[in-house]
N, C-alpha and C. Protein backbone atom coordinates (compact mmCIF):
# COMPACT_ATOMS: atom_id res chain seq x y z
N MET A 1 -33.04 -39.49 30.36
CA MET A 1 -32.07 -39.48 31.76
C MET A 1 -31.18 -37.98 31.85
N LYS A 2 -31.42 -37.23 32.23
CA LYS A 2 -30.77 -36.12 32.63
C LYS A 2 -29.21 -36.03 33.09
N THR A 3 -29.10 -34.82 32.13
CA THR A 3 -27.20 -34.49 32.05
C THR A 3 -26.99 -33.67 33.49
N VAL A 4 -25.81 -33.95 33.43
CA VAL A 4 -25.46 -32.89 34.80
C VAL A 4 -24.71 -31.77 33.67
N THR A 5 -24.89 -30.56 34.34
CA THR A 5 -24.15 -29.57 33.91
C THR A 5 -23.23 -28.63 34.98
N MET A 6 -21.94 -28.72 34.77
CA MET A 6 -21.44 -27.54 35.91
C MET A 6 -21.75 -25.84 36.08
N TYR A 7 -22.42 -25.68 37.17
CA TYR A 7 -22.57 -24.28 37.57
C TYR A 7 -21.00 -23.47 37.63
N ARG A 8 -20.91 -22.85 36.63
CA ARG A 8 -19.88 -21.78 36.87
C ARG A 8 -20.33 -19.96 36.91
N PRO A 9 -19.94 -19.89 38.01
CA PRO A 9 -20.90 -18.41 38.83
C PRO A 9 -19.20 -17.40 37.26
N ASN A 10 -20.28 -15.71 37.69
CA ASN A 10 -19.21 -14.97 36.81
C ASN A 10 -18.18 -14.67 37.54
N THR A 11 -17.29 -14.65 36.79
CA THR A 11 -15.77 -14.56 37.57
C THR A 11 -14.59 -13.06 37.67
N ILE A 12 -13.78 -12.60 37.56
CA ILE A 12 -13.75 -11.48 37.71
C ILE A 12 -13.00 -11.15 35.79
N GLN A 13 -12.79 -12.49 35.55
CA GLN A 13 -12.16 -12.29 34.06
C GLN A 13 -13.16 -12.36 33.41
N ASN A 14 -14.46 -12.76 33.54
CA ASN A 14 -15.88 -13.10 32.58
C ASN A 14 -15.86 -11.07 32.43
N ALA A 15 -16.01 -10.58 33.31
CA ALA A 15 -15.71 -9.35 33.53
C ALA A 15 -15.45 -8.55 33.04
N LEU A 16 -14.08 -8.99 33.07
CA LEU A 16 -12.95 -7.91 32.05
C LEU A 16 -13.50 -8.09 31.17
N SER A 17 -13.37 -8.99 31.02
CA SER A 17 -13.99 -9.40 29.30
C SER A 17 -15.18 -8.86 29.10
N ASP A 18 -16.85 -8.98 28.98
CA ASP A 18 -17.68 -7.52 29.37
C ASP A 18 -16.93 -6.45 29.09
N PHE A 19 -16.37 -6.18 29.64
CA PHE A 19 -16.17 -4.53 30.16
C PHE A 19 -14.73 -4.33 28.49
N ASP A 20 -14.33 -5.40 28.09
CA ASP A 20 -13.64 -4.85 27.22
C ASP A 20 -14.35 -4.98 25.99
N ARG A 21 -15.17 -5.28 25.89
CA ARG A 21 -16.80 -5.61 25.05
C ARG A 21 -17.59 -4.45 24.86
N TYR A 22 -17.80 -4.28 26.00
CA TYR A 22 -18.02 -2.82 26.24
C TYR A 22 -17.14 -1.53 25.72
N PHE A 23 -16.06 -1.37 25.47
CA PHE A 23 -15.45 -0.62 25.55
C PHE A 23 -15.43 -0.66 23.67
N GLU A 24 -15.21 -2.18 23.16
CA GLU A 24 -15.26 -2.24 21.90
C GLU A 24 -16.20 -1.06 21.23
N SER A 25 -17.94 -1.49 21.78
CA SER A 25 -18.88 -1.65 21.16
C SER A 25 -19.00 0.03 21.03
N PHE A 26 -18.61 0.81 21.64
CA PHE A 26 -18.86 2.23 22.31
C PHE A 26 -17.18 2.72 21.51
N PHE A 27 -15.93 2.64 21.47
CA PHE A 27 -14.75 3.45 20.91
C PHE A 27 -14.88 2.27 19.56
N GLY A 28 -15.31 1.78 19.40
CA GLY A 28 -14.70 0.40 18.43
C GLY A 28 -12.98 -0.29 18.28
N ASP A 29 -13.15 -0.58 19.62
CA ASP A 29 -11.69 -1.14 19.86
C ASP A 29 -11.56 -1.46 21.46
N SER A 30 -10.70 -1.80 21.70
CA SER A 30 -10.51 -2.46 23.84
C SER A 30 -9.52 -1.04 23.85
N ALA A 31 -9.38 -0.64 25.22
CA ALA A 31 -8.92 0.65 25.68
C ALA A 31 -7.82 0.34 25.48
N LEU A 32 -7.23 -0.65 26.18
CA LEU A 32 -6.07 -1.95 25.73
C LEU A 32 -5.22 -1.25 24.61
N ALA A 33 -5.74 -2.03 23.60
CA ALA A 33 -5.68 -2.44 22.23
C ALA A 33 -4.49 -1.04 21.51
N PRO A 34 -5.08 -0.30 21.89
CA PRO A 34 -3.66 1.34 20.90
C PRO A 34 -2.57 0.99 21.88
N ALA A 35 -2.11 0.77 23.37
CA ALA A 35 -0.79 0.53 23.89
C ALA A 35 -0.57 -1.19 22.92
N ALA A 36 -1.04 -1.66 22.68
CA ALA A 36 -0.86 -3.23 22.52
C ALA A 36 -0.50 -3.02 21.11
N ARG A 37 -1.03 -2.31 20.60
CA ARG A 37 -0.32 -1.83 18.71
C ARG A 37 0.34 -1.19 18.75
N VAL A 38 0.84 -0.23 19.50
CA VAL A 38 1.95 1.10 19.58
C VAL A 38 3.52 -0.17 19.94
N PHE A 39 2.61 -1.62 20.86
CA PHE A 39 4.21 -1.91 21.40
C PHE A 39 4.47 -2.94 20.75
N GLY A 40 3.69 -3.84 20.16
CA GLY A 40 3.34 -4.79 19.20
C GLY A 40 3.17 -4.78 17.56
N HIS A 41 3.54 -3.67 17.37
CA HIS A 41 3.55 -3.52 15.75
C HIS A 41 4.58 -3.62 15.19
N LEU A 42 4.34 -4.94 13.96
CA LEU A 42 5.22 -5.24 13.32
C LEU A 42 4.81 -5.53 11.78
N PRO A 43 5.38 -4.63 10.80
CA PRO A 43 4.60 -4.82 9.43
C PRO A 43 4.83 -5.75 8.61
N PRO A 44 4.13 -6.33 8.15
CA PRO A 44 3.66 -7.48 7.63
C PRO A 44 4.90 -8.14 6.10
N VAL A 45 5.14 -8.76 6.54
CA VAL A 45 6.54 -9.34 5.22
C VAL A 45 6.13 -10.52 4.37
N ASP A 46 6.52 -10.32 3.09
CA ASP A 46 6.19 -11.08 2.27
C ASP A 46 7.73 -11.42 1.57
N VAL A 47 8.46 -12.92 1.79
CA VAL A 47 9.42 -13.35 1.38
C VAL A 47 9.32 -14.03 0.15
N GLN A 48 10.02 -14.40 -0.90
CA GLN A 48 9.40 -14.78 -1.91
C GLN A 48 11.29 -14.95 -2.49
N GLU A 49 11.06 -16.17 -2.79
CA GLU A 49 12.20 -17.18 -3.38
C GLU A 49 12.52 -17.02 -5.64
N THR A 50 13.68 -16.93 -5.56
CA THR A 50 13.90 -16.82 -7.32
C THR A 50 14.84 -17.19 -7.37
N GLU A 51 15.13 -17.66 -9.03
CA GLU A 51 16.06 -18.41 -9.07
C GLU A 51 17.32 -17.59 -8.93
N LYS A 52 17.28 -16.25 -8.75
CA LYS A 52 18.76 -15.33 -8.76
C LYS A 52 18.68 -14.64 -6.97
N ALA A 53 17.69 -14.49 -6.69
CA ALA A 53 17.64 -13.89 -5.59
C ALA A 53 16.17 -14.30 -4.06
N PHE A 54 16.30 -13.57 -2.94
CA PHE A 54 15.40 -13.77 -2.57
C PHE A 54 14.71 -11.64 -2.83
N VAL A 55 13.41 -11.96 -2.37
CA VAL A 55 12.80 -10.24 -3.05
C VAL A 55 12.05 -10.78 -1.06
N MET A 56 12.10 -9.56 -0.62
CA MET A 56 11.10 -9.20 0.58
C MET A 56 10.38 -8.18 0.20
N ASP A 57 8.96 -7.90 0.95
CA ASP A 57 7.67 -7.12 0.53
C ASP A 57 7.20 -6.58 1.77
N MET A 58 7.26 -5.22 2.47
CA MET A 58 7.30 -5.28 4.15
C MET A 58 6.18 -3.67 3.49
N GLU A 59 5.48 -4.11 4.64
CA GLU A 59 3.84 -2.98 4.74
C GLU A 59 4.31 -2.11 5.15
N LEU A 60 4.66 -0.56 4.78
CA LEU A 60 5.12 0.67 5.44
C LEU A 60 4.07 1.50 5.15
N PRO A 61 3.19 1.26 5.45
CA PRO A 61 1.67 2.39 5.38
C PRO A 61 2.16 3.41 6.27
N GLY A 62 1.51 5.01 5.19
CA GLY A 62 2.51 6.17 6.05
C GLY A 62 3.70 6.40 6.76
N TYR A 63 4.27 5.66 6.22
CA TYR A 63 6.10 6.10 6.07
C TYR A 63 6.71 6.80 5.41
N GLU A 64 7.48 7.23 5.28
CA GLU A 64 8.47 7.64 5.05
C GLU A 64 10.04 7.02 4.34
N GLU A 65 10.12 7.43 3.08
CA GLU A 65 11.11 6.50 2.77
C GLU A 65 12.33 7.31 3.81
N LYS A 66 12.54 8.14 4.40
CA LYS A 66 13.41 8.91 5.67
C LYS A 66 13.14 8.71 6.94
N ASP A 67 12.58 7.80 6.98
CA ASP A 67 11.41 7.15 8.10
C ASP A 67 12.89 5.82 8.74
N ILE A 68 12.82 5.34 7.57
CA ILE A 68 13.76 3.68 7.53
C ILE A 68 14.36 3.41 7.24
N ALA A 69 15.79 2.67 8.12
CA ALA A 69 16.75 2.18 7.98
C ALA A 69 17.30 0.73 7.61
N VAL A 70 17.94 0.36 6.98
CA VAL A 70 17.93 -1.30 6.37
C VAL A 70 19.30 -1.80 6.83
N HIS A 71 20.31 -2.26 7.65
CA HIS A 71 20.79 -2.25 7.97
C HIS A 71 21.45 -4.27 7.61
N VAL A 72 22.79 -4.34 7.01
CA VAL A 72 23.34 -5.61 6.89
C VAL A 72 24.60 -5.77 7.79
N ASP A 73 24.25 -6.59 8.75
CA ASP A 73 25.42 -6.86 9.41
C ASP A 73 25.38 -8.52 9.20
N GLY A 74 27.02 -9.07 8.91
CA GLY A 74 26.80 -10.79 8.80
C GLY A 74 25.62 -11.29 8.40
N GLY A 75 25.20 -12.19 8.50
CA GLY A 75 24.25 -12.89 7.93
C GLY A 75 22.81 -12.32 8.32
N SER A 76 22.67 -10.78 8.96
CA SER A 76 21.64 -10.88 9.69
C SER A 76 20.99 -9.73 9.04
N LEU A 77 20.03 -9.29 8.31
CA LEU A 77 19.46 -8.11 8.26
C LEU A 77 18.51 -7.32 8.89
N SER A 78 18.35 -6.01 9.29
CA SER A 78 17.72 -5.40 10.29
C SER A 78 16.93 -4.09 9.42
N ILE A 79 15.63 -4.60 9.94
CA ILE A 79 14.68 -3.71 9.57
C ILE A 79 14.32 -2.49 10.42
N GLU A 80 14.50 -0.96 10.51
CA GLU A 80 13.88 -0.41 11.35
C GLU A 80 13.42 1.34 11.15
N SER A 81 12.59 1.25 12.37
CA SER A 81 11.99 2.62 11.79
C SER A 81 11.55 3.36 13.29
N LYS A 82 11.54 4.80 12.98
CA LYS A 82 11.02 5.47 14.24
C LYS A 82 9.92 6.95 13.75
N GLN A 83 9.17 6.44 14.29
CA GLN A 83 8.00 8.26 13.69
C GLN A 83 7.96 8.51 14.86
N GLU A 84 8.33 9.44 14.96
CA GLU A 84 8.23 11.28 16.04
C GLU A 84 6.42 11.34 16.14
N GLU A 85 5.89 11.68 17.41
CA GLU A 85 4.24 11.77 17.24
C GLU A 85 4.40 13.03 16.53
N ALA A 86 2.94 13.36 16.13
CA ALA A 86 2.70 14.79 15.67
C ALA A 86 2.27 15.62 16.66
N THR A 87 2.30 17.09 16.32
CA THR A 87 2.39 17.92 17.75
C THR A 87 0.61 18.56 17.70
N GLU A 88 -0.09 17.70 17.41
CA GLU A 88 -1.48 17.99 17.06
C GLU A 88 -2.16 18.98 18.42
N GLU A 89 -1.62 18.47 19.43
CA GLU A 89 -2.56 19.03 20.24
C GLU A 89 -2.21 20.39 20.83
N LYS A 90 -0.62 20.80 20.38
CA LYS A 90 -0.50 22.28 20.52
C LYS A 90 -0.99 23.22 19.29
N LYS A 91 -1.16 22.57 18.53
CA LYS A 91 -2.54 23.58 17.31
C LYS A 91 -3.21 24.18 17.79
N ARG A 92 -4.31 22.99 17.81
CA ARG A 92 -5.66 22.91 18.19
C ARG A 92 -5.92 23.49 19.81
N GLY A 93 -4.86 23.40 20.39
CA GLY A 93 -5.24 23.57 21.94
C GLY A 93 -6.21 22.62 22.86
N GLY A 94 -6.54 21.63 22.70
CA GLY A 94 -7.67 20.73 23.06
C GLY A 94 -7.11 19.52 23.92
N THR A 95 -7.97 19.42 24.58
CA THR A 95 -7.16 17.83 25.57
C THR A 95 -8.13 16.50 25.08
N TYR A 96 -6.63 15.74 24.31
CA TYR A 96 -6.92 14.43 23.93
C TYR A 96 -8.23 13.20 25.19
N ILE A 97 -8.89 12.69 24.51
CA ILE A 97 -9.62 11.62 25.31
C ILE A 97 -10.02 10.32 25.14
N LEU A 98 -9.43 10.21 24.45
CA LEU A 98 -8.42 9.01 23.67
C LEU A 98 -8.07 8.92 22.35
N ARG A 99 -6.30 9.05 22.16
CA ARG A 99 -5.43 8.94 21.11
C ARG A 99 -4.75 8.00 20.94
N GLU A 100 -4.74 7.79 19.03
CA GLU A 100 -4.50 5.93 19.15
C GLU A 100 -2.91 5.99 18.48
N ARG A 101 -2.86 7.79 17.65
CA ARG A 101 -1.76 7.81 17.11
C ARG A 101 -1.19 8.54 17.72
N ARG A 102 0.50 7.78 18.02
CA ARG A 102 1.82 7.97 19.10
C ARG A 102 2.50 7.73 17.53
N LEU A 103 3.54 7.46 19.29
CA LEU A 103 5.07 7.04 18.33
C LEU A 103 5.02 5.96 17.64
N ASN A 104 5.51 5.77 16.49
CA ASN A 104 5.24 4.31 15.83
C ASN A 104 6.53 3.48 15.72
N SER A 105 7.02 2.63 16.13
CA SER A 105 8.30 2.21 15.80
C SER A 105 8.54 0.67 15.78
N PHE A 106 9.51 0.26 14.74
CA PHE A 106 9.27 -1.25 14.98
C PHE A 106 11.17 -1.81 14.86
N ASN A 107 11.01 -2.67 14.90
CA ASN A 107 12.58 -3.30 14.58
C ASN A 107 12.63 -4.77 14.16
N ARG A 108 12.46 -5.10 13.15
CA ARG A 108 12.85 -6.55 12.69
C ARG A 108 14.32 -7.08 11.37
N SER A 109 13.88 -7.89 12.63
CA SER A 109 15.85 -8.53 11.82
C SER A 109 15.52 -10.53 11.16
N PHE A 110 16.00 -10.40 10.42
CA PHE A 110 15.84 -11.83 9.26
C PHE A 110 17.35 -11.97 9.17
N LYS A 111 17.85 -13.37 10.05
CA LYS A 111 18.70 -14.41 9.40
C LYS A 111 18.94 -14.55 7.87
N LEU A 112 19.59 -14.12 7.15
CA LEU A 112 19.71 -14.71 5.40
C LEU A 112 20.36 -16.10 5.37
N PRO A 113 19.80 -16.62 4.64
CA PRO A 113 19.93 -18.13 4.32
C PRO A 113 22.01 -18.14 3.67
N GLU A 114 22.19 -19.16 3.68
CA GLU A 114 24.10 -18.86 3.29
C GLU A 114 23.74 -19.05 2.29
N ASN A 115 22.72 -19.23 1.47
CA ASN A 115 22.98 -19.26 -0.21
C ASN A 115 23.02 -17.61 -0.60
N ALA A 116 22.58 -16.94 0.37
CA ALA A 116 22.26 -15.48 0.27
C ALA A 116 23.46 -14.32 0.22
N ASN A 117 23.77 -13.38 -0.73
CA ASN A 117 25.37 -12.54 -0.69
C ASN A 117 24.61 -11.92 -0.14
N PRO A 118 25.23 -11.62 1.19
CA PRO A 118 24.81 -10.07 2.07
C PRO A 118 25.45 -8.64 1.21
N GLU A 119 26.27 -8.82 0.34
CA GLU A 119 26.86 -7.49 -0.12
C GLU A 119 25.91 -7.13 -1.61
N THR A 120 24.65 -7.75 -1.58
CA THR A 120 24.17 -7.43 -3.10
C THR A 120 22.69 -6.94 -2.58
N VAL A 121 22.76 -6.60 -1.08
CA VAL A 121 21.05 -6.09 -0.42
C VAL A 121 20.88 -4.28 -1.70
N SER A 122 19.86 -4.55 -2.21
CA SER A 122 19.05 -3.60 -3.14
C SER A 122 17.92 -2.83 -2.01
N ALA A 123 17.51 -1.68 -2.15
CA ALA A 123 16.16 -1.61 -1.43
C ALA A 123 15.25 -0.22 -2.11
N ALA A 124 14.10 -0.45 -2.11
CA ALA A 124 13.31 0.59 -2.55
C ALA A 124 12.52 0.55 -1.90
N PHE A 125 11.56 2.05 -2.56
CA PHE A 125 10.50 2.14 -1.19
C PHE A 125 9.76 2.89 -2.57
N LYS A 126 8.77 2.33 -2.46
CA LYS A 126 7.29 2.96 -3.72
C LYS A 126 5.98 2.30 -3.09
N ASN A 127 4.68 3.46 -2.51
CA ASN A 127 3.77 3.91 -1.80
C ASN A 127 3.32 2.85 -1.33
N GLY A 128 3.88 2.89 0.41
CA GLY A 128 4.04 2.50 1.23
C GLY A 128 4.48 1.16 1.15
N ILE A 129 5.51 0.26 -0.20
CA ILE A 129 5.50 -0.95 -0.01
C ILE A 129 7.29 -0.87 0.23
N LEU A 130 8.04 -0.94 1.31
CA LEU A 130 8.91 -1.53 1.09
C LEU A 130 10.23 -2.55 0.50
N THR A 131 11.03 -3.10 -0.64
CA THR A 131 11.18 -3.79 -1.60
C THR A 131 12.82 -3.58 -1.30
N LEU A 132 12.58 -5.06 -0.53
CA LEU A 132 14.45 -5.34 -0.90
C LEU A 132 14.53 -6.77 -1.94
N GLU A 133 15.97 -6.59 -2.74
CA GLU A 133 16.17 -8.00 -3.29
C GLU A 133 17.31 -7.86 -2.74
N ILE A 134 17.87 -9.58 -2.37
CA ILE A 134 19.05 -10.23 -1.75
C ILE A 134 19.47 -11.05 -2.91
N GLN A 135 20.39 -10.86 -3.41
CA GLN A 135 21.39 -11.97 -4.94
C GLN A 135 21.41 -13.00 -4.18
N LYS A 136 21.50 -14.36 -4.92
CA LYS A 136 22.32 -15.60 -4.42
C LYS A 136 23.36 -15.32 -4.62
N ARG A 137 24.26 -16.39 -4.05
CA ARG A 137 25.14 -16.25 -4.47
C ARG A 137 25.60 -16.97 -5.66
N PRO A 138 26.92 -16.68 -6.67
CA PRO A 138 26.70 -17.22 -7.62
C PRO A 138 27.01 -18.58 -7.93
N GLU A 139 27.66 -19.11 -6.67
CA GLU A 139 27.79 -20.83 -7.04
C GLU A 139 26.70 -21.17 -6.00
N ALA A 140 25.97 -20.21 -5.75
CA ALA A 140 23.81 -21.29 -5.26
C ALA A 140 23.13 -21.24 -6.36
N GLN A 141 23.04 -20.42 -7.15
CA GLN A 141 22.38 -19.77 -8.05
C GLN A 141 22.05 -21.22 -9.50
N LYS A 142 21.54 -21.42 -9.80
CA LYS A 142 20.57 -22.87 -10.69
C LYS A 142 21.79 -22.68 -11.78
N ARG A 143 22.21 -23.38 -12.51
CA ARG A 143 23.01 -23.36 -14.12
C ARG A 143 22.92 -24.97 -15.11
N MET A 144 22.90 -23.97 -15.96
CA MET A 144 22.31 -25.42 -16.98
C MET A 144 23.38 -26.33 -17.51
N ILE A 145 23.46 -27.32 -17.45
CA ILE A 145 25.18 -27.85 -17.69
C ILE A 145 24.79 -28.40 -19.19
N LYS A 146 25.78 -28.59 -20.12
CA LYS A 146 25.52 -28.76 -21.25
C LYS A 146 25.96 -30.03 -20.92
N ILE A 147 25.24 -30.93 -21.51
CA ILE A 147 25.49 -32.30 -22.25
C ILE A 147 26.22 -32.45 -23.38
N ASN A 148 27.73 -32.85 -23.29
CA ASN A 148 27.87 -33.35 -24.64
C ASN A 148 27.96 -34.53 -25.46
N ALA A 149 27.68 -34.57 -26.43
CA ALA A 149 27.00 -35.81 -27.33
C ALA A 149 28.37 -36.72 -27.39
N SER A 150 28.23 -38.05 -27.70
CA SER A 150 29.92 -39.10 -27.41
C SER A 150 29.01 -39.88 -28.87
C-alpha cells in the first residue's frame, strides 16, 4: 500500500532559514546573532547552598572589577555592568564590515531566600569570576542539640 505524504512548497520562512545558514557558513554566525548576543547577554550563574551561606559564582570573562556593581535592596540582590565600546575604528581609520564587539551591559536580579542575611553579602572578583557569599541568618543555620543523659 502506498502512503500519502503532504507536499510543502518552500515558504518564506524556509528561505530565511536557508539565508541564515548561508551567513553562518560564511561568517561563522548569523548576521542577526551579534545583536541578539548584545541585547540578550546574561552571564551564567552557579548558586550553591552550604550549611552557613549561599555562594554565587558568575562568569564575567573580559570584565574588570571597576565595571561591575553589586547592590542589595531589602530582599533583592542586583548585579549589573556596563562596558563601553572600544574606539579602535578611530585608531586604525578603517570601516567595519562586521562588528561583533560592542557595548556589553547586563543587569541580573535575584530574590534572596528568607533565611539569607542581606547585611552579610561579600563579593570577590578573580580571573573573570565574581563570587558572592550571602550568610544565612543565625536562627536559620543548622545547629547541634546536645542530648542530656537522664
